Amino acid sequence: MKRKKESELLSSSAPCIVYHKEVYKFTEHQHLRFNPLKGEWIVVSPHRMKRPWAGQVEPADEPDLPEWDPSNPLCPRATRSNGEVNPDYCSTYVFTNDFPALMEEVPHPPEDNDPLLRMAPATGTCRVMCLHPMLNKTISLMSSDEIEAVIDRWIEQMLDLGSRFKWVQIFENKGQMMGCSNPHPHCQIWASSFLPNEPQVKDAKQRAYFEQHGRPLLCDYLEKELTRQERLVCTNDEWVCLVPFWAVWPFETMILPRRKVTQLQNLDGSQRHFLAKIMKVIATKYDNLFKTSFPYSMGWHGAPTGPEQGADDHWTLHAIYLPPLLRSATIRKFMVGYELLAMPQRDLTQEQAARILRDQSEIHYKLKTL
């Protein structure tokens, strides 16, 4: 069948397709990408990277932190706000948050059948975990052995809290830009009697994919990424760090296991060992990007826990890093306006972000000057 000219198509009253002369390039033209883990779409607008930028691009003026500060409530031997004195710990240290968002012994809200004004019980506990005794040490500057000690303590906490609570969320907010009020290297562990929104959606989407295809969603996804390689950042014998096809934040990454595992507490010795190594590498690459202590929120998502835990074959354990920086150590991506009211949008393509991170050295910029 002969193709009609554009003028003929436009003059016809029948439905028509206008054939654009410009060849589509996903690195230059706007498009949507689908996130199968959440069932959401994201707008990618790479052409916007060509617009002029008037913002500052200077490195951030980082404070020179000491190794120990007696006034910092997370340091060894320091006194916290409740009067308790921290032990003289030499590795990791865990304690119950002095200002927890969730507590175990609280009254429950009254039952109500109102379909619009619903409440439900919420119990749990919140813990703080110091990652290292030294105030000026971050994951990127710690040794692999020290990071492995962090992973071991995470697993201890998962085994303890996971036996009682439906969800245990390990997360680290790094840097003032991410709302971290204390520069001491630490993370938080919140355990809850309920399944929060994000893992609830991921649980449903992974379950639906598994029921339809007979394989875990993230296992199939990782196979595709290993074949294409365009979004890989770094890899080792047990783990792969990549920029997800559907990443929202400019330099967002995900760490996935080469051998399927559903929960952090199920990692064997080899997986723990190599996880410590890849965590150090991605943290170092982040810091090297803008020569700054790179801010981010990161955390782990695995199969739900608790005494009522069901089959979890559809789950794959994964870590997520969500950093806000876009153009420099001081210029961030804001989730405002369209992102809050409509849907996520990004300019830098996921492939470009992966290449930029991949090209960063695995030697920390501060160590190069020593």
Protein backbone atom coordinates (compact mmCIF):
# COMPACT_ATOMS: atom_id res chain seq x y z
CA MET A 1 0.00 0.00 0.00
CA LYS A 2 1.34 3.40 -1.04
CA ARG A 3 1.99 5.84 1.82
CA LYS A 4 -0.08 9.05 1.59
CA LYS A 5 1.56 12.43 1.60
CA GLU A 6 1.22 14.50 4.76
CA SER A 7 -0.94 17.09 2.92
CA GLU A 8 -3.39 14.36 1.88
CA LEU A 9 -3.60 13.04 5.40
CA LEU A 10 -4.27 16.49 6.85
CA SER A 11 -7.02 17.22 4.30
CA SER A 12 -8.80 13.91 4.93
CA SER A 13 -11.65 13.77 7.43
CA ALA A 14 -10.69 10.22 8.45
CA PRO A 15 -8.37 9.53 11.44
CA CYS A 16 -4.75 9.86 10.39
CA ILE A 17 -1.15 9.57 11.51
CA VAL A 18 1.27 12.42 10.85
CA TYR A 19 4.71 11.01 10.16
CA HIS A 20 7.41 13.19 11.69
CA LYS A 21 10.55 13.64 9.65
CA GLU A 22 12.82 13.73 12.74
CA VAL A 23 14.12 10.33 13.83
CA TYR A 24 13.34 9.59 17.47
CA LYS A 25 16.30 9.38 19.85
CA PHE A 26 15.64 8.56 23.49
CA THR A 27 18.78 10.51 24.45
CA GLU A 28 17.32 13.70 22.94
CA HIS A 29 13.53 13.44 22.95
CA GLN A 30 11.04 13.34 25.78
CA HIS A 31 9.36 10.05 26.64
CA LEU A 32 7.70 8.08 29.43
CA ARG A 33 9.28 5.18 31.31
CA PHE A 34 7.41 2.63 33.38
CA ASN A 35 8.39 1.45 36.85
CA PRO A 36 7.07 -2.13 37.19
CA LEU A 37 7.95 -2.21 40.90
CA LYS A 38 5.46 0.54 41.65
CA GLY A 39 3.17 0.59 38.62
CA GLU A 40 4.05 4.22 37.94
CA TRP A 41 5.30 6.23 34.96
CA ILE A 42 8.02 8.88 34.87
CA VAL A 43 8.61 11.68 32.33
CA VAL A 44 12.15 11.87 30.91
CA SER A 45 13.04 15.18 29.18
CA PRO A 46 16.67 14.94 28.03
CA HIS A 47 16.43 17.99 25.73
CA ARG A 48 16.19 20.19 28.85
CA MET A 49 19.84 19.43 29.65
CA LYS A 50 20.73 21.84 26.83
CA ARG A 51 19.21 24.85 28.58
CA PRO A 52 21.63 27.39 30.09
CA TRP A 53 22.31 27.18 33.82
CA ALA A 54 22.98 30.27 35.93
CA GLY A 55 23.43 28.50 39.25
CA GLN A 56 26.66 28.06 41.16
CA VAL A 57 28.85 25.05 40.48
CA GLU A 58 31.50 25.55 43.18
CA PRO A 59 32.32 22.66 45.52
CA ALA A 60 30.58 22.68 48.87
CA ASP A 61 32.51 24.10 51.79
CA GLU A 62 32.66 20.98 53.97
CA PRO A 63 33.44 21.32 57.67
CA ASP A 64 36.60 19.59 58.84
CA LEU A 65 35.16 17.19 61.41
CA PRO A 66 37.23 15.81 64.29
CA GLU A 67 37.42 12.08 65.02
CA TRP A 68 35.63 12.56 68.34
CA ASP A 69 33.50 15.30 69.88
CA PRO A 70 32.30 14.92 73.49
CA SER A 71 29.33 17.20 72.74
CA ASN A 72 28.08 14.96 69.91
CA PRO A 73 25.45 12.60 71.41
CA LEU A 74 26.35 9.76 69.01
CA CYS A 75 30.05 9.62 69.84
CA PRO A 76 31.50 7.01 72.22
CA ARG A 77 31.36 8.08 75.89
CA ALA A 78 29.11 11.05 75.05
CA THR A 79 25.99 11.84 77.06
CA ARG A 80 22.70 11.83 75.15
CA SER A 81 19.72 14.15 75.80
CA ASN A 82 18.05 11.62 78.12
CA GLY A 83 21.10 11.51 80.36
CA GLU A 84 22.35 8.10 79.21
CA VAL A 85 26.06 7.77 78.47
CA ASN A 86 27.14 5.87 75.37
CA PRO A 87 29.60 3.02 75.90
CA ASP A 88 33.15 3.31 74.59
CA TYR A 89 32.19 1.32 71.50
CA CYS A 90 34.81 0.48 68.87
CA SER A 91 32.65 -0.77 65.98
CA THR A 92 28.87 -0.36 65.66
CA TYR A 93 26.45 0.64 68.40
CA VAL A 94 22.65 0.31 68.50
CA PHE A 95 20.22 1.94 70.92
CA THR A 96 16.51 2.78 71.04
CA ASN A 97 15.81 6.23 69.59
CA ASP A 98 15.39 8.82 72.33
CA PHE A 99 12.61 10.45 70.26
CA PRO A 100 10.90 7.52 68.46
CA ALA A 101 8.15 7.90 65.88
CA LEU A 102 6.80 4.46 66.88
CA MET A 103 6.51 2.85 70.31
CA GLU A 104 5.39 -0.62 71.40
CA GLU A 105 3.16 0.07 74.40
CA VAL A 106 0.56 2.63 73.33
CA PRO A 107 -3.28 2.70 73.34
CA HIS A 108 -5.05 1.88 70.09
CA PRO A 109 -7.45 4.26 68.34
CA PRO A 110 -11.18 3.43 68.68
CA GLU A 111 -12.74 1.23 66.01
CA ASP A 112 -14.89 3.08 63.51
CA ASN A 113 -16.65 1.89 60.35
CA ASP A 114 -16.51 5.31 58.68
CA PRO A 115 -15.19 4.66 55.12
CA LEU A 116 -13.62 8.13 54.83
CA LEU A 117 -12.22 8.85 58.29
CA ARG A 118 -10.34 5.64 58.96
CA MET A 119 -7.68 4.95 61.59
CA ALA A 120 -5.83 1.78 62.55
CA PRO A 121 -3.40 0.70 65.29
CA ALA A 122 0.29 1.47 64.76
CA THR A 123 2.91 0.00 67.06
CA GLY A 124 6.63 -0.52 66.65
CA THR A 125 10.04 0.63 67.73
CA CYS A 126 12.76 2.91 66.36
CA ARG A 127 16.47 2.33 66.82
CA VAL A 128 19.58 4.32 65.97
CA MET A 129 22.69 2.51 64.79
CA CYS A 130 26.09 4.19 64.83
CA LEU A 131 28.07 2.84 61.88
CA HIS A 132 31.52 3.72 63.21
CA PRO A 133 32.95 5.23 66.41
CA MET A 134 34.74 8.03 64.54
CA LEU A 135 32.75 11.18 63.79
CA ASN A 136 34.47 11.86 60.47
CA LYS A 137 34.08 8.39 58.92
CA THR A 138 31.46 7.69 56.26
CA ILE A 139 30.88 4.46 54.33
CA SER A 140 33.11 5.71 51.51
CA LEU A 141 36.03 6.20 53.93
CA MET A 142 35.53 3.03 55.96
CA SER A 143 37.35 -0.21 55.19
CA SER A 144 35.49 -3.16 53.68
CA ASP A 145 35.86 -5.03 56.97
CA GLU A 146 34.26 -2.14 58.85
CA ILE A 147 31.38 -2.05 56.37
CA GLU A 148 30.94 -5.81 56.71
CA ALA A 149 30.58 -5.28 60.48
CA VAL A 150 27.75 -2.85 59.68
CA ILE A 151 26.06 -5.49 57.51
CA ASP A 152 26.45 -8.11 60.24
CA ARG A 153 24.78 -5.79 62.74
CA TRP A 154 21.97 -5.05 60.27
CA ILE A 155 21.35 -8.77 60.02
CA GLU A 156 21.28 -9.13 63.82
CA GLN A 157 18.66 -6.39 63.98
CA MET A 158 16.60 -7.97 61.20
CA LEU A 159 16.59 -11.32 63.01
CA ASP A 160 15.61 -9.70 66.30
CA LEU A 161 12.95 -7.25 65.11
CA GLY A 162 11.80 -9.37 62.17
CA SER A 163 10.65 -12.10 64.52
CA ARG A 164 8.07 -9.73 66.02
CA PHE A 165 7.24 -7.06 63.44
CA LYS A 166 5.72 -7.19 59.97
CA TRP A 167 8.20 -4.71 58.50
CA VAL A 168 11.73 -3.64 59.45
CA GLN A 169 13.03 -0.62 57.56
CA ILE A 170 16.76 0.04 57.62
CA PHE A 171 17.64 3.45 56.19
CA GLU A 172 20.39 6.07 56.23
CA ASN A 173 19.84 9.79 55.69
CA LYS A 174 23.28 11.19 54.86
CA GLY A 175 23.95 14.92 54.88
CA GLN A 176 22.07 18.04 55.95
CA MET A 177 20.48 18.24 52.51
CA MET A 178 18.60 15.03 53.38
CA GLY A 179 17.51 16.34 56.78
CA CYS A 180 20.25 14.62 58.77
CA SER A 181 20.74 16.69 61.92
CA ASN A 182 23.90 14.90 63.12
CA PRO A 183 27.06 14.43 60.99
CA HIS A 184 28.09 11.30 62.90
CA PRO A 185 27.82 8.23 60.60
CA HIS A 186 24.61 6.49 61.59
CA CYS A 187 21.48 4.90 60.22
CA GLN A 188 18.03 4.19 61.61
CA ILE A 189 15.98 1.01 61.98
CA TRP A 190 12.21 1.35 62.27
CA ALA A 191 10.11 -1.76 62.91
CA SER A 192 6.33 -1.65 62.56
CA SER A 193 3.27 -3.78 63.13
CA PHE A 194 1.97 -2.72 59.70
CA LEU A 195 3.30 -2.92 56.14
CA PRO A 196 4.14 0.64 54.96
CA ASN A 197 2.97 2.03 51.63
CA GLU A 198 6.15 1.59 49.55
CA PRO A 199 6.84 -2.09 50.39
CA GLN A 200 3.10 -2.80 50.20
CA VAL A 201 3.02 -1.65 46.57
CA LYS A 202 6.25 -3.48 45.74
CA ASP A 203 4.92 -6.65 47.35
CA ALA A 204 1.76 -6.54 45.22
CA LYS A 205 3.56 -5.76 41.95
CA GLN A 206 6.22 -8.44 42.42
CA ARG A 207 3.58 -10.99 43.41
CA ALA A 208 1.47 -10.22 40.32
CA TYR A 209 4.51 -10.54 38.03
CA PHE A 210 5.54 -13.82 39.65
CA GLU A 211 2.05 -15.28 39.27
CA GLN A 212 1.99 -14.32 35.59
CA HIS A 213 5.57 -15.23 34.58
CA GLY A 214 6.68 -17.77 37.18
CA ARG A 215 9.89 -15.84 37.92
CA PRO A 216 10.77 -12.93 40.24
CA LEU A 217 10.42 -9.53 38.59
CA LEU A 218 13.81 -8.21 39.69
CA CYS A 219 15.61 -11.40 38.64
CA ASP A 220 14.27 -11.02 35.11
CA TYR A 221 15.05 -7.30 35.18
CA LEU A 222 18.66 -7.90 36.27
CA GLU A 223 19.18 -10.37 33.41
CA LYS A 224 18.16 -7.67 30.93
CA GLU A 225 20.44 -5.10 32.52
CA LEU A 226 23.43 -7.47 32.51
CA THR A 227 22.82 -8.11 28.81
CA ARG A 228 22.44 -4.45 27.83
CA GLN A 229 25.07 -3.09 30.29
CA GLU A 230 24.20 0.56 29.51
CA ARG A 231 22.89 1.31 33.01
CA LEU A 232 25.47 -0.65 35.03
CA VAL A 233 27.64 1.37 37.42
CA CYS A 234 29.78 -1.29 39.13
CA THR A 235 29.66 -5.04 39.70
CA ASN A 236 31.44 -7.82 41.56
CA ASP A 237 31.09 -11.57 42.08
CA GLU A 238 27.85 -11.30 44.07
CA TRP A 239 26.26 -7.90 43.44
CA VAL A 240 25.33 -5.43 40.72
CA CYS A 241 24.89 -1.69 41.19
CA LEU A 242 22.94 0.06 38.44
CA VAL A 243 20.83 3.08 37.65
CA PRO A 244 17.29 1.70 37.30
CA PHE A 245 15.61 2.14 33.90
CA TRP A 246 12.85 4.00 35.79
CA ALA A 247 15.06 6.02 38.18
CA VAL A 248 13.51 9.30 39.36
CA TRP A 249 16.39 11.04 41.14
CA PRO A 250 19.32 12.23 38.95
CA PHE A 251 21.90 9.73 40.23
CA GLU A 252 19.60 7.17 41.83
CA THR A 253 21.02 3.64 42.00
CA MET A 254 19.93 0.17 43.03
CA ILE A 255 22.03 -2.74 44.34
CA LEU A 256 20.81 -6.21 43.33
CA PRO A 257 22.13 -9.69 44.20
CA ARG A 258 23.39 -11.96 41.42
CA ARG A 259 22.09 -14.95 43.42
CA LYS A 260 18.46 -14.54 44.40
CA VAL A 261 17.82 -13.79 48.06
CA THR A 262 14.62 -12.43 49.56
CA GLN A 263 15.75 -10.94 52.88
CA LEU A 264 18.88 -9.30 54.25
CA GLN A 265 19.13 -11.85 57.06
CA ASN A 266 19.46 -14.66 54.50
CA LEU A 267 22.80 -13.43 53.08
CA ASP A 268 25.62 -15.94 53.29
CA GLY A 269 29.26 -15.13 54.05
CA SER A 270 30.26 -14.50 50.44
CA GLN A 271 27.29 -12.20 49.82
CA ARG A 272 28.07 -10.17 52.94
CA HIS A 273 31.74 -9.89 51.99
CA PHE A 274 31.10 -8.63 48.48
CA LEU A 275 28.18 -6.44 49.54
CA ALA A 276 30.59 -4.48 51.75
CA LYS A 277 32.89 -3.99 48.77
CA ILE A 278 30.24 -2.74 46.37
CA MET A 279 28.75 -0.42 49.02
CA LYS A 280 32.18 1.17 49.43
CA VAL A 281 32.61 1.52 45.66
CA ILE A 282 29.28 3.24 44.99
CA ALA A 283 29.71 5.53 48.01
CA THR A 284 33.18 6.48 46.76
CA LYS A 285 31.93 7.14 43.23
CA TYR A 286 29.19 9.36 44.64
CA ASP A 287 31.69 11.41 46.66
CA ASN A 288 34.07 11.70 43.69
CA LEU A 289 31.35 13.02 41.39
CA PHE A 290 31.28 16.52 42.88
CA LYS A 291 34.22 16.20 45.30
CA THR A 292 31.93 16.29 48.31
CA SER A 293 30.44 14.02 50.95
CA PHE A 294 27.53 13.05 48.71
CA PRO A 295 24.11 13.32 50.41
CA TYR A 296 21.50 10.61 49.94
CA SER A 297 18.76 8.56 51.51
CA MET A 298 19.35 4.84 51.15
CA GLY A 299 17.61 1.78 52.47
CA TRP A 300 16.80 -1.90 52.06
CA HIS A 301 13.63 -3.53 50.74
CA GLY A 302 13.12 -7.25 51.16
CA ALA A 303 10.29 -9.65 51.85
CA PRO A 304 8.02 -8.73 54.81
CA THR A 305 8.83 -10.32 58.15
CA GLY A 306 6.95 -11.22 61.32
CA PRO A 307 5.25 -14.34 62.70
CA GLU A 308 2.58 -14.15 59.96
CA GLN A 309 5.09 -14.02 57.12
CA GLY A 310 3.87 -15.89 54.05
CA ALA A 311 5.49 -17.20 50.88
CA ASP A 312 8.05 -14.75 49.55
CA ASP A 313 9.35 -16.36 46.35
CA HIS A 314 8.25 -13.29 44.40
CA TRP A 315 10.59 -11.00 46.34
CA THR A 316 14.19 -10.03 45.57
CA LEU A 317 16.21 -8.14 48.17
CA HIS A 318 17.51 -4.78 46.93
CA ALA A 319 19.04 -1.56 48.22
CA ILE A 320 18.02 1.87 46.91
CA TYR A 321 20.13 5.04 46.94
CA LEU A 322 18.21 8.29 46.41
CA PRO A 323 20.61 11.26 46.14
CA PRO A 324 19.32 14.80 45.39
CA LEU A 325 22.40 16.40 43.74
CA LEU A 326 22.10 17.25 40.05
CA ARG A 327 24.74 19.66 38.70
CA SER A 328 27.18 20.33 41.53
CA ALA A 329 27.82 19.85 45.24
CA THR A 330 25.29 22.60 45.96
CA ILE A 331 22.71 22.28 43.16
CA ARG A 332 20.00 19.76 43.88
CA LYS A 333 16.95 18.31 42.20
CA PHE A 334 13.72 19.49 43.83
CA MET A 335 10.58 17.37 43.79
CA VAL A 336 8.07 20.21 43.52
CA GLY A 337 5.28 21.49 41.28
CA TYR A 338 4.65 18.97 38.52
CA GLU A 339 6.42 16.19 40.42
CA LEU A 340 4.21 16.65 43.47
CA LEU A 341 0.96 17.35 41.62
CA ALA A 342 1.24 15.14 38.53
CA MET A 343 4.12 12.68 38.16
CA PRO A 344 7.91 12.42 38.51
CA GLN A 345 10.06 14.07 35.83
CA ARG A 346 13.80 14.09 35.16
CA ASP A 347 16.13 15.65 32.58
CA LEU A 348 19.36 13.62 32.68
CA THR A 349 18.68 10.20 31.18
CA GLN A 350 19.28 7.13 33.28
CA GLU A 351 21.91 5.93 30.79
CA GLN A 352 23.80 9.24 30.99
CA ALA A 353 23.73 9.12 34.80
CA ALA A 354 25.08 5.56 34.80
CA ARG A 355 27.92 6.49 32.46
CA ILE A 356 28.90 9.50 34.59
CA LEU A 357 28.97 7.38 37.76
CA ARG A 358 30.73 4.50 36.01
CA ASP A 359 33.51 6.87 34.92
CA GLN A 360 34.24 7.98 38.50
CA SER A 361 37.31 6.54 40.22
CA GLU A 362 37.03 3.86 42.89
CA ILE A 363 39.71 5.68 44.90
CA HIS A 364 38.26 8.41 47.11
CA TYR A 365 39.31 11.93 46.13
CA LYS A 366 40.45 12.68 49.69
CA LEU A 367 42.80 9.70 49.67
CA LYS A 368 44.40 10.76 46.37
CA THR A 369 45.88 13.80 48.06
CA LEU A 370 47.53 11.84 50.86
